[in-house]
Amino acid sequence: MTLDPKDAEFWRLLREEYMEGKEATTEEVERLQEVIDFIREMDDKKAPPLLRSLVRNCIAYYEAIIRHAQMGERNKGQVDAGAYRADLENADRYRKIKHNGVINDLKIFNRYMHANYGPDGKIDPHEEDELPRIFTGTSTERRGIAFWALRLADGLRTLRGKFGEEIDAFVNENEAMKKAS
């Protein structure tokens, strides 16, 4: 998804806020890679679809934020204030749906990992500090989850050369299988 030049300033300010002043961050992408490696090492067949859904929702949320920014800037000059407000509200509603999807998928994935690999894990118990965590905050931190999701999606987009192919292959594994059959 590309930004219209009119949206560039808004997006730059938003990105500066969620990136916390950093130009790029590998931390979230590196944690994702650690979780993927752990799941593969455990030969877990149920965790990959949960993780894929979470990552896809992070990317969809990132794109919804861009769409929201574009909608606001593009429609600013509309004569009909009611239509402008309605368009903006629809874009914001869509953004919120995607944000809630990230939160729900994060909770589901964390519960699954803890139930199966935590200290009392059903599959292979690990000490709490041995268990890789994709998100280090708590699932009640809406803003923290939002910024984490945006940094992860941004990292996947900007760090393609370093991590892209392997993670893309993991995230898009089901689509590749569907197209092959």
N, C-alpha and C. Protein backbone atom coordinates (compact mmCIF):
# COMPACT_ATOMS: atom_id res chain seq x y z
N MET A 1 0.85 -1.16 0.00
CA MET A 1 0.00 0.00 0.00
C MET A 1 0.90 1.23 0.00
N THR A 2 0.61 2.18 -0.87
CA THR A 2 1.44 3.38 -0.95
C THR A 2 0.68 4.59 -0.42
N LEU A 3 1.42 5.55 0.04
CA LEU A 3 0.84 6.76 0.59
C LEU A 3 0.80 7.86 -0.46
N ASP A 4 -0.30 8.56 -0.49
CA ASP A 4 -0.42 9.76 -1.29
C ASP A 4 0.47 10.83 -0.63
N PRO A 5 1.13 11.68 -1.40
CA PRO A 5 1.99 12.71 -0.79
C PRO A 5 1.25 13.58 0.22
N LYS A 6 -0.07 13.79 0.04
CA LYS A 6 -0.84 14.60 0.99
C LYS A 6 -0.88 13.94 2.37
N ASP A 7 -0.78 12.60 2.39
CA ASP A 7 -0.88 11.86 3.65
C ASP A 7 0.48 11.69 4.32
N ALA A 8 1.54 12.03 3.61
CA ALA A 8 2.89 11.73 4.08
C ALA A 8 3.20 12.37 5.43
N GLU A 9 2.81 13.60 5.64
CA GLU A 9 3.13 14.28 6.90
C GLU A 9 2.39 13.63 8.08
N PHE A 10 1.10 13.37 7.89
CA PHE A 10 0.33 12.70 8.95
C PHE A 10 0.96 11.35 9.29
N TRP A 11 1.27 10.58 8.24
CA TRP A 11 1.84 9.25 8.44
C TRP A 11 3.21 9.34 9.11
N ARG A 12 4.02 10.30 8.71
CA ARG A 12 5.34 10.47 9.31
C ARG A 12 5.22 10.73 10.80
N LEU A 13 4.27 11.58 11.19
CA LEU A 13 4.07 11.89 12.61
C LEU A 13 3.57 10.67 13.39
N LEU A 14 2.63 9.94 12.81
CA LEU A 14 2.13 8.74 13.47
C LEU A 14 3.23 7.70 13.61
N ARG A 15 3.98 7.49 12.52
CA ARG A 15 5.07 6.50 12.55
C ARG A 15 6.12 6.90 13.58
N GLU A 16 6.43 8.17 13.66
CA GLU A 16 7.41 8.66 14.63
C GLU A 16 6.94 8.34 16.05
N GLU A 17 5.63 8.46 16.28
CA GLU A 17 5.08 8.17 17.61
C GLU A 17 5.18 6.68 17.94
N TYR A 18 4.70 5.79 17.05
CA TYR A 18 4.73 4.37 17.41
C TYR A 18 6.12 3.77 17.31
N MET A 19 7.01 4.38 16.53
CA MET A 19 8.39 3.88 16.47
C MET A 19 9.23 4.44 17.60
N GLU A 20 8.64 5.34 18.38
CA GLU A 20 9.30 5.94 19.53
C GLU A 20 10.63 6.58 19.13
N GLY A 21 10.61 7.29 17.99
CA GLY A 21 11.78 8.03 17.54
C GLY A 21 12.82 7.22 16.79
N LYS A 22 12.65 5.91 16.68
CA LYS A 22 13.63 5.07 15.97
C LYS A 22 13.29 5.06 14.49
N GLU A 23 14.29 4.95 13.66
CA GLU A 23 14.06 4.88 12.22
C GLU A 23 13.48 3.52 11.84
N ALA A 24 14.04 2.47 12.40
CA ALA A 24 13.54 1.11 12.15
C ALA A 24 13.85 0.29 13.39
N THR A 25 13.07 -0.72 13.61
CA THR A 25 13.32 -1.59 14.75
C THR A 25 13.24 -3.04 14.31
N THR A 26 14.16 -3.83 14.80
CA THR A 26 14.15 -5.26 14.47
C THR A 26 13.61 -6.08 15.63
N GLU A 27 13.42 -5.44 16.79
CA GLU A 27 13.05 -6.18 17.99
C GLU A 27 11.80 -7.05 17.81
N GLU A 28 10.72 -6.47 17.30
CA GLU A 28 9.47 -7.23 17.14
C GLU A 28 9.63 -8.34 16.11
N VAL A 29 10.34 -8.06 15.03
CA VAL A 29 10.54 -9.08 13.99
C VAL A 29 11.45 -10.20 14.52
N GLU A 30 12.46 -9.84 15.29
CA GLU A 30 13.34 -10.86 15.88
C GLU A 30 12.56 -11.74 16.84
N ARG A 31 11.65 -11.15 17.64
CA ARG A 31 10.83 -11.95 18.55
C ARG A 31 9.91 -12.88 17.76
N LEU A 32 9.35 -12.38 16.66
CA LEU A 32 8.52 -13.23 15.80
C LEU A 32 9.33 -14.40 15.29
N GLN A 33 10.55 -14.15 14.86
CA GLN A 33 11.42 -15.22 14.36
C GLN A 33 11.70 -16.24 15.47
N GLU A 34 11.95 -15.78 16.69
CA GLU A 34 12.18 -16.69 17.82
C GLU A 34 10.97 -17.58 18.06
N VAL A 35 9.78 -17.01 17.99
CA VAL A 35 8.56 -17.79 18.20
C VAL A 35 8.38 -18.81 17.08
N ILE A 36 8.62 -18.40 15.84
CA ILE A 36 8.52 -19.33 14.71
C ILE A 36 9.51 -20.48 14.90
N ASP A 37 10.74 -20.16 15.25
CA ASP A 37 11.76 -21.20 15.47
C ASP A 37 11.34 -22.15 16.58
N PHE A 38 10.79 -21.61 17.67
CA PHE A 38 10.34 -22.43 18.80
C PHE A 38 9.23 -23.38 18.36
N ILE A 39 8.25 -22.84 17.64
CA ILE A 39 7.12 -23.66 17.17
C ILE A 39 7.63 -24.78 16.25
N ARG A 40 8.55 -24.46 15.38
CA ARG A 40 9.11 -25.48 14.48
C ARG A 40 9.90 -26.52 15.26
N GLU A 41 10.66 -26.07 16.24
CA GLU A 41 11.45 -27.00 17.07
C GLU A 41 10.52 -27.96 17.82
N MET A 42 9.39 -27.47 18.28
CA MET A 42 8.42 -28.30 18.99
C MET A 42 7.58 -29.15 18.03
N ASP A 43 7.72 -28.90 16.74
CA ASP A 43 6.94 -29.57 15.71
C ASP A 43 5.44 -29.45 15.98
N ASP A 44 5.05 -28.27 16.40
CA ASP A 44 3.66 -27.98 16.76
C ASP A 44 2.87 -27.69 15.48
N LYS A 45 1.77 -28.37 15.30
CA LYS A 45 0.94 -28.17 14.11
C LYS A 45 -0.22 -27.20 14.35
N LYS A 46 -0.58 -26.96 15.62
CA LYS A 46 -1.71 -26.10 15.93
C LYS A 46 -1.32 -24.63 16.10
N ALA A 47 -0.09 -24.36 16.51
CA ALA A 47 0.33 -22.98 16.76
C ALA A 47 0.51 -22.15 15.47
N PRO A 48 1.06 -22.72 14.38
CA PRO A 48 1.28 -21.88 13.19
C PRO A 48 0.04 -21.15 12.67
N PRO A 49 -1.13 -21.80 12.57
CA PRO A 49 -2.29 -21.03 12.09
C PRO A 49 -2.68 -19.89 13.04
N LEU A 50 -2.49 -20.09 14.34
CA LEU A 50 -2.79 -19.03 15.31
C LEU A 50 -1.83 -17.86 15.13
N LEU A 51 -0.56 -18.18 14.96
CA LEU A 51 0.45 -17.13 14.77
C LEU A 51 0.26 -16.42 13.44
N ARG A 52 -0.06 -17.18 12.39
CA ARG A 52 -0.30 -16.56 11.07
C ARG A 52 -1.44 -15.56 11.15
N SER A 53 -2.52 -15.96 11.81
CA SER A 53 -3.67 -15.08 11.95
C SER A 53 -3.28 -13.80 12.68
N LEU A 54 -2.50 -13.92 13.74
CA LEU A 54 -2.05 -12.76 14.50
C LEU A 54 -1.22 -11.82 13.63
N VAL A 55 -0.26 -12.38 12.89
CA VAL A 55 0.61 -11.54 12.06
C VAL A 55 -0.20 -10.89 10.94
N ARG A 56 -1.09 -11.64 10.33
CA ARG A 56 -1.93 -11.06 9.27
C ARG A 56 -2.81 -9.94 9.80
N ASN A 57 -3.32 -10.11 11.02
CA ASN A 57 -4.13 -9.04 11.61
C ASN A 57 -3.28 -7.82 11.93
N CYS A 58 -2.03 -8.01 12.32
CA CYS A 58 -1.13 -6.88 12.54
C CYS A 58 -0.93 -6.11 11.24
N ILE A 59 -0.73 -6.83 10.16
CA ILE A 59 -0.54 -6.20 8.85
C ILE A 59 -1.82 -5.50 8.40
N ALA A 60 -2.97 -6.14 8.61
CA ALA A 60 -4.26 -5.53 8.24
C ALA A 60 -4.52 -4.28 9.08
N TYR A 61 -4.14 -4.29 10.35
CA TYR A 61 -4.29 -3.11 11.20
C TYR A 61 -3.41 -1.97 10.70
N TYR A 62 -2.18 -2.30 10.36
CA TYR A 62 -1.23 -1.33 9.79
C TYR A 62 -1.83 -0.69 8.54
N GLU A 63 -2.38 -1.50 7.66
CA GLU A 63 -2.99 -0.98 6.43
C GLU A 63 -4.24 -0.16 6.73
N ALA A 64 -5.00 -0.55 7.78
CA ALA A 64 -6.19 0.23 8.16
C ALA A 64 -5.80 1.61 8.67
N ILE A 65 -4.68 1.69 9.37
CA ILE A 65 -4.19 2.98 9.85
C ILE A 65 -3.82 3.87 8.65
N ILE A 66 -3.15 3.29 7.68
CA ILE A 66 -2.80 4.05 6.47
C ILE A 66 -4.07 4.51 5.75
N ARG A 67 -5.02 3.59 5.61
CA ARG A 67 -6.29 3.92 4.94
C ARG A 67 -7.01 5.04 5.67
N HIS A 68 -7.01 4.98 6.99
CA HIS A 68 -7.65 6.01 7.82
C HIS A 68 -6.97 7.36 7.58
N ALA A 69 -5.64 7.36 7.54
CA ALA A 69 -4.89 8.60 7.29
C ALA A 69 -5.23 9.15 5.91
N GLN A 70 -5.27 8.27 4.92
CA GLN A 70 -5.59 8.71 3.57
C GLN A 70 -7.00 9.27 3.48
N MET A 71 -7.93 8.59 4.15
CA MET A 71 -9.33 9.03 4.11
C MET A 71 -9.46 10.42 4.71
N GLY A 72 -8.83 10.64 5.83
CA GLY A 72 -8.92 11.93 6.49
C GLY A 72 -8.35 13.05 5.65
N GLU A 73 -7.18 12.83 5.09
CA GLU A 73 -6.53 13.88 4.29
C GLU A 73 -7.23 14.10 2.96
N ARG A 74 -7.61 13.03 2.31
CA ARG A 74 -8.20 13.14 0.98
C ARG A 74 -9.56 13.81 1.00
N ASN A 75 -10.32 13.55 2.06
CA ASN A 75 -11.69 14.06 2.11
C ASN A 75 -11.82 15.37 2.89
N LYS A 76 -10.72 15.92 3.35
CA LYS A 76 -10.74 17.13 4.18
C LYS A 76 -11.46 18.29 3.50
N GLY A 77 -11.27 18.44 2.21
CA GLY A 77 -11.84 19.58 1.51
C GLY A 77 -13.27 19.38 1.04
N GLN A 78 -13.91 18.30 1.42
CA GLN A 78 -15.28 18.05 0.99
C GLN A 78 -16.21 19.16 1.45
N VAL A 79 -17.14 19.50 0.59
CA VAL A 79 -18.11 20.54 0.93
C VAL A 79 -19.10 20.00 1.97
N ASP A 80 -19.48 18.75 1.84
CA ASP A 80 -20.47 18.15 2.73
C ASP A 80 -19.78 17.62 3.99
N ALA A 81 -19.89 18.37 5.06
CA ALA A 81 -19.25 17.99 6.32
C ALA A 81 -19.81 16.67 6.86
N GLY A 82 -21.08 16.42 6.63
CA GLY A 82 -21.71 15.17 7.10
C GLY A 82 -21.11 13.96 6.41
N ALA A 83 -20.90 14.05 5.10
CA ALA A 83 -20.30 12.95 4.34
C ALA A 83 -18.85 12.73 4.78
N TYR A 84 -18.14 13.83 5.01
CA TYR A 84 -16.75 13.74 5.48
C TYR A 84 -16.70 13.02 6.82
N ARG A 85 -17.57 13.44 7.74
CA ARG A 85 -17.61 12.82 9.06
C ARG A 85 -17.98 11.33 8.96
N ALA A 86 -18.94 11.00 8.12
CA ALA A 86 -19.36 9.60 7.95
C ALA A 86 -18.22 8.75 7.39
N ASP A 87 -17.51 9.28 6.38
CA ASP A 87 -16.38 8.55 5.80
C ASP A 87 -15.29 8.31 6.85
N LEU A 88 -15.01 9.33 7.62
CA LEU A 88 -13.99 9.22 8.65
C LEU A 88 -14.41 8.23 9.75
N GLU A 89 -15.67 8.28 10.13
CA GLU A 89 -16.19 7.35 11.13
C GLU A 89 -16.12 5.91 10.63
N ASN A 90 -16.44 5.69 9.36
CA ASN A 90 -16.36 4.34 8.78
C ASN A 90 -14.92 3.85 8.77
N ALA A 91 -13.99 4.71 8.39
CA ALA A 91 -12.58 4.32 8.38
C ALA A 91 -12.10 4.03 9.80
N ASP A 92 -12.55 4.83 10.76
CA ASP A 92 -12.16 4.61 12.15
C ASP A 92 -12.78 3.33 12.69
N ARG A 93 -14.01 3.03 12.33
CA ARG A 93 -14.67 1.79 12.76
C ARG A 93 -13.90 0.58 12.21
N TYR A 94 -13.51 0.65 10.94
CA TYR A 94 -12.73 -0.43 10.32
C TYR A 94 -11.39 -0.61 11.04
N ARG A 95 -10.72 0.51 11.36
CA ARG A 95 -9.45 0.47 12.09
C ARG A 95 -9.64 -0.19 13.45
N LYS A 96 -10.72 0.16 14.12
CA LYS A 96 -10.99 -0.41 15.46
C LYS A 96 -11.27 -1.92 15.37
N ILE A 97 -11.97 -2.34 14.34
CA ILE A 97 -12.23 -3.77 14.14
C ILE A 97 -10.91 -4.52 13.97
N LYS A 98 -10.02 -3.96 13.17
CA LYS A 98 -8.71 -4.60 12.95
C LYS A 98 -7.89 -4.60 14.24
N HIS A 99 -7.95 -3.52 15.01
CA HIS A 99 -7.23 -3.45 16.28
C HIS A 99 -7.76 -4.51 17.25
N ASN A 100 -9.08 -4.65 17.32
CA ASN A 100 -9.67 -5.68 18.19
C ASN A 100 -9.28 -7.08 17.72
N GLY A 101 -9.15 -7.26 16.41
CA GLY A 101 -8.70 -8.55 15.88
C GLY A 101 -7.29 -8.88 16.33
N VAL A 102 -6.41 -7.88 16.34
CA VAL A 102 -5.04 -8.08 16.83
C VAL A 102 -5.08 -8.48 18.30
N ILE A 103 -5.85 -7.76 19.10
CA ILE A 103 -5.92 -8.04 20.54
C ILE A 103 -6.45 -9.45 20.77
N ASN A 104 -7.53 -9.82 20.10
CA ASN A 104 -8.11 -11.16 20.28
C ASN A 104 -7.13 -12.25 19.87
N ASP A 105 -6.50 -12.09 18.71
CA ASP A 105 -5.55 -13.11 18.25
C ASP A 105 -4.34 -13.21 19.17
N LEU A 106 -3.90 -12.07 19.70
CA LEU A 106 -2.78 -12.09 20.64
C LEU A 106 -3.15 -12.86 21.91
N LYS A 107 -4.35 -12.63 22.43
CA LYS A 107 -4.80 -13.34 23.63
C LYS A 107 -4.90 -14.84 23.37
N ILE A 108 -5.46 -15.20 22.23
CA ILE A 108 -5.62 -16.62 21.89
C ILE A 108 -4.25 -17.28 21.75
N PHE A 109 -3.34 -16.63 21.03
CA PHE A 109 -2.01 -17.20 20.83
C PHE A 109 -1.27 -17.33 22.15
N ASN A 110 -1.30 -16.29 22.99
CA ASN A 110 -0.61 -16.35 24.28
C ASN A 110 -1.20 -17.43 25.18
N ARG A 111 -2.53 -17.57 25.21
CA ARG A 111 -3.15 -18.62 26.02
C ARG A 111 -2.72 -20.00 25.53
N TYR A 112 -2.72 -20.18 24.22
CA TYR A 112 -2.31 -21.47 23.65
C TYR A 112 -0.87 -21.80 24.04
N MET A 113 0.02 -20.85 23.85
CA MET A 113 1.44 -21.09 24.15
C MET A 113 1.63 -21.38 25.63
N HIS A 114 0.99 -20.61 26.50
CA HIS A 114 1.15 -20.80 27.93
C HIS A 114 0.56 -22.14 28.37
N ALA A 115 -0.61 -22.48 27.85
CA ALA A 115 -1.27 -23.74 28.23
C ALA A 115 -0.46 -24.96 27.79
N ASN A 116 0.24 -24.85 26.68
CA ASN A 116 0.95 -26.00 26.15
C ASN A 116 2.45 -26.02 26.43
N TYR A 117 3.04 -24.85 26.65
CA TYR A 117 4.50 -24.78 26.83
C TYR A 117 4.92 -24.03 28.09
N GLY A 118 3.97 -23.48 28.83
CA GLY A 118 4.29 -22.78 30.07
C GLY A 118 4.71 -23.77 31.15
N PRO A 119 4.91 -23.30 32.38
CA PRO A 119 5.37 -24.18 33.47
C PRO A 119 4.49 -25.41 33.68
N ASP A 120 3.19 -25.29 33.46
CA ASP A 120 2.29 -26.44 33.60
C ASP A 120 1.81 -26.92 32.23
N GLY A 121 2.62 -26.73 31.22
CA GLY A 121 2.25 -27.02 29.84
C GLY A 121 1.89 -28.47 29.58
N LYS A 122 0.90 -28.66 28.72
CA LYS A 122 0.42 -29.99 28.36
C LYS A 122 1.35 -30.70 27.38
N ILE A 123 2.02 -29.94 26.50
CA ILE A 123 2.85 -30.56 25.46
C ILE A 123 4.29 -30.69 25.92
N ASP A 124 4.90 -29.59 26.31
CA ASP A 124 6.31 -29.60 26.70
C ASP A 124 6.54 -28.43 27.66
N PRO A 125 6.41 -28.67 28.97
CA PRO A 125 6.55 -27.58 29.93
C PRO A 125 7.92 -26.90 29.87
N HIS A 126 7.91 -25.59 29.97
CA HIS A 126 9.12 -24.77 30.01
C HIS A 126 8.98 -23.78 31.15
N GLU A 127 10.11 -23.38 31.70
CA GLU A 127 10.08 -22.30 32.68
C GLU A 127 9.60 -21.04 31.96
N GLU A 128 8.98 -20.15 32.70
CA GLU A 128 8.43 -18.93 32.12
C GLU A 128 9.46 -18.15 31.31
N ASP A 129 10.70 -18.05 31.79
CA ASP A 129 11.72 -17.28 31.08
C ASP A 129 12.30 -18.01 29.87
N GLU A 130 11.96 -19.28 29.68
CA GLU A 130 12.42 -20.05 28.51
C GLU A 130 11.44 -19.95 27.35
N LEU A 131 10.24 -19.50 27.65
CA LEU A 131 9.18 -19.45 26.66
C LEU A 131 9.28 -18.16 25.85
N PRO A 132 9.47 -18.25 24.52
CA PRO A 132 9.56 -17.02 23.72
C PRO A 132 8.23 -16.29 23.72
N ARG A 133 8.27 -14.98 23.85
CA ARG A 133 7.06 -14.17 23.87
C ARG A 133 7.09 -13.20 22.68
N ILE A 134 6.00 -13.21 21.95
CA ILE A 134 5.92 -12.33 20.79
C ILE A 134 5.62 -10.89 21.22
N PHE A 135 4.90 -10.74 22.33
CA PHE A 135 4.58 -9.42 22.88
C PHE A 135 4.91 -9.45 24.36
N THR A 136 5.67 -8.48 24.82
CA THR A 136 6.14 -8.52 26.20
C THR A 136 5.26 -7.75 27.18
N GLY A 137 4.26 -7.03 26.69
CA GLY A 137 3.35 -6.30 27.57
C GLY A 137 2.21 -7.19 28.03
N THR A 138 1.15 -6.57 28.52
CA THR A 138 -0.03 -7.33 28.92
C THR A 138 -1.13 -7.11 27.89
N SER A 139 -2.05 -8.06 27.83
CA SER A 139 -3.10 -7.99 26.80
C SER A 139 -4.17 -6.94 27.12
N THR A 140 -4.03 -6.22 28.22
CA THR A 140 -4.98 -5.14 28.53
C THR A 140 -4.46 -3.78 28.08
N GLU A 141 -3.26 -3.72 27.56
CA GLU A 141 -2.64 -2.46 27.12
C GLU A 141 -3.00 -2.20 25.65
N ARG A 142 -4.17 -1.65 25.40
CA ARG A 142 -4.62 -1.43 24.02
C ARG A 142 -3.62 -0.61 23.22
N ARG A 143 -3.14 0.48 23.78
CA ARG A 143 -2.19 1.34 23.06
C ARG A 143 -0.86 0.61 22.86
N GLY A 144 -0.40 -0.10 23.87
CA GLY A 144 0.85 -0.85 23.75
C GLY A 144 0.75 -1.93 22.68
N ILE A 145 -0.38 -2.61 22.63
CA ILE A 145 -0.60 -3.64 21.60
C ILE A 145 -0.66 -2.99 20.23
N ALA A 146 -1.33 -1.84 20.14
CA ALA A 146 -1.42 -1.14 18.85
C ALA A 146 -0.03 -0.77 18.34
N PHE A 147 0.78 -0.17 19.20
CA PHE A 147 2.12 0.24 18.78
C PHE A 147 2.98 -0.97 18.45
N TRP A 148 2.85 -2.06 19.23
CA TRP A 148 3.60 -3.29 18.93
C TRP A 148 3.20 -3.82 17.55
N ALA A 149 1.89 -3.88 17.28
CA ALA A 149 1.42 -4.40 15.98
C ALA A 149 1.93 -3.54 14.83
N LEU A 150 1.91 -2.22 15.03
CA LEU A 150 2.39 -1.32 13.98
C LEU A 150 3.90 -1.47 13.78
N ARG A 151 4.65 -1.62 14.89
CA ARG A 151 6.10 -1.80 14.75
C ARG A 151 6.42 -3.13 14.08
N LEU A 152 5.67 -4.18 14.41
CA LEU A 152 5.89 -5.48 13.77
C LEU A 152 5.61 -5.39 12.27
N ALA A 153 4.46 -4.85 11.90
CA ALA A 153 4.11 -4.73 10.48
C ALA A 153 5.09 -3.82 9.76
N ASP A 154 5.46 -2.72 10.39
CA ASP A 154 6.43 -1.80 9.80
C ASP A 154 7.77 -2.51 9.62
N GLY A 155 8.19 -3.26 10.63
CA GLY A 155 9.45 -4.00 10.55
C GLY A 155 9.43 -5.03 9.44
N LEU A 156 8.31 -5.74 9.31
CA LEU A 156 8.20 -6.74 8.24
C LEU A 156 8.29 -6.06 6.87
N ARG A 157 7.74 -4.85 6.78
CA ARG A 157 7.76 -4.12 5.51
C ARG A 157 9.15 -3.55 5.22
N THR A 158 9.80 -2.96 6.20
CA THR A 158 11.07 -2.27 5.96
C THR A 158 12.29 -3.16 6.06
N LEU A 159 12.18 -4.31 6.71
CA LEU A 159 13.34 -5.18 6.90
C LEU A 159 13.25 -6.44 6.04
N ARG A 160 12.58 -6.33 4.93
CA ARG A 160 12.37 -7.48 4.05
C ARG A 160 13.65 -8.26 3.74
N GLY A 161 14.73 -7.58 3.46
CA GLY A 161 15.97 -8.26 3.09
C GLY A 161 16.53 -9.13 4.18
N LYS A 162 16.37 -8.71 5.44
CA LYS A 162 16.96 -9.44 6.55
C LYS A 162 16.09 -10.62 7.00
N PHE A 163 14.77 -10.41 7.09
CA PHE A 163 13.89 -11.44 7.61
C PHE A 163 12.84 -11.91 6.62
N GLY A 164 12.55 -11.08 5.64
CA GLY A 164 11.37 -11.22 4.80
C GLY A 164 11.03 -12.58 4.25
N GLU A 165 11.97 -13.22 3.56
CA GLU A 165 11.61 -14.44 2.84
C GLU A 165 11.14 -15.55 3.75
N GLU A 166 11.87 -15.82 4.82
CA GLU A 166 11.49 -16.92 5.72
C GLU A 166 10.17 -16.63 6.43
N ILE A 167 10.02 -15.40 6.92
CA ILE A 167 8.79 -15.05 7.62
C ILE A 167 7.63 -14.99 6.63
N ASP A 168 7.84 -14.41 5.44
CA ASP A 168 6.79 -14.40 4.43
C ASP A 168 6.35 -15.82 4.10
N ALA A 169 7.30 -16.71 3.96
CA ALA A 169 6.97 -18.11 3.66
C ALA A 169 6.13 -18.71 4.78
N PHE A 170 6.47 -18.40 6.03
CA PHE A 170 5.71 -18.91 7.17
C PHE A 170 4.31 -18.30 7.19
N VAL A 171 4.22 -16.99 7.08
CA VAL A 171 2.93 -16.30 7.19
C VAL A 171 2.01 -16.69 6.04
N ASN A 172 2.56 -16.87 4.84
CA ASN A 172 1.74 -17.15 3.66
C ASN A 172 1.71 -18.63 3.29
N GLU A 173 2.11 -19.49 4.21
CA GLU A 173 2.20 -20.92 3.93
C GLU A 173 0.86 -21.50 3.46
N ASN A 174 -0.24 -21.17 4.13
CA ASN A 174 -1.54 -21.70 3.76
C ASN A 174 -1.99 -21.25 2.38
N GLU A 175 -1.72 -19.97 2.03
CA GLU A 175 -2.09 -19.47 0.70
C GLU A 175 -1.34 -20.21 -0.38
N ALA A 176 -0.05 -20.47 -0.15
CA ALA A 176 0.76 -21.19 -1.14
C ALA A 176 0.23 -22.60 -1.34
N MET A 177 -0.17 -23.25 -0.25
CA MET A 177 -0.71 -24.60 -0.37
C MET A 177 -2.03 -24.61 -1.11
N LYS A 178 -2.89 -23.59 -0.85
CA LYS A 178 -4.18 -23.51 -1.52
C LYS A 178 -4.00 -23.31 -3.02
N LYS A 179 -3.03 -22.43 -3.39
CA LYS A 179 -2.79 -22.17 -4.81
C LYS A 179 -2.22 -23.39 -5.52
N ALA A 180 -1.43 -24.19 -4.81
CA ALA A 180 -0.79 -25.37 -5.41
C ALA A 180 -1.81 -26.47 -5.67
N SER A 181 -2.87 -26.51 -4.87
CA SER A 181 -3.84 -27.61 -5.05
C SER A 181 -4.94 -27.29 -6.01
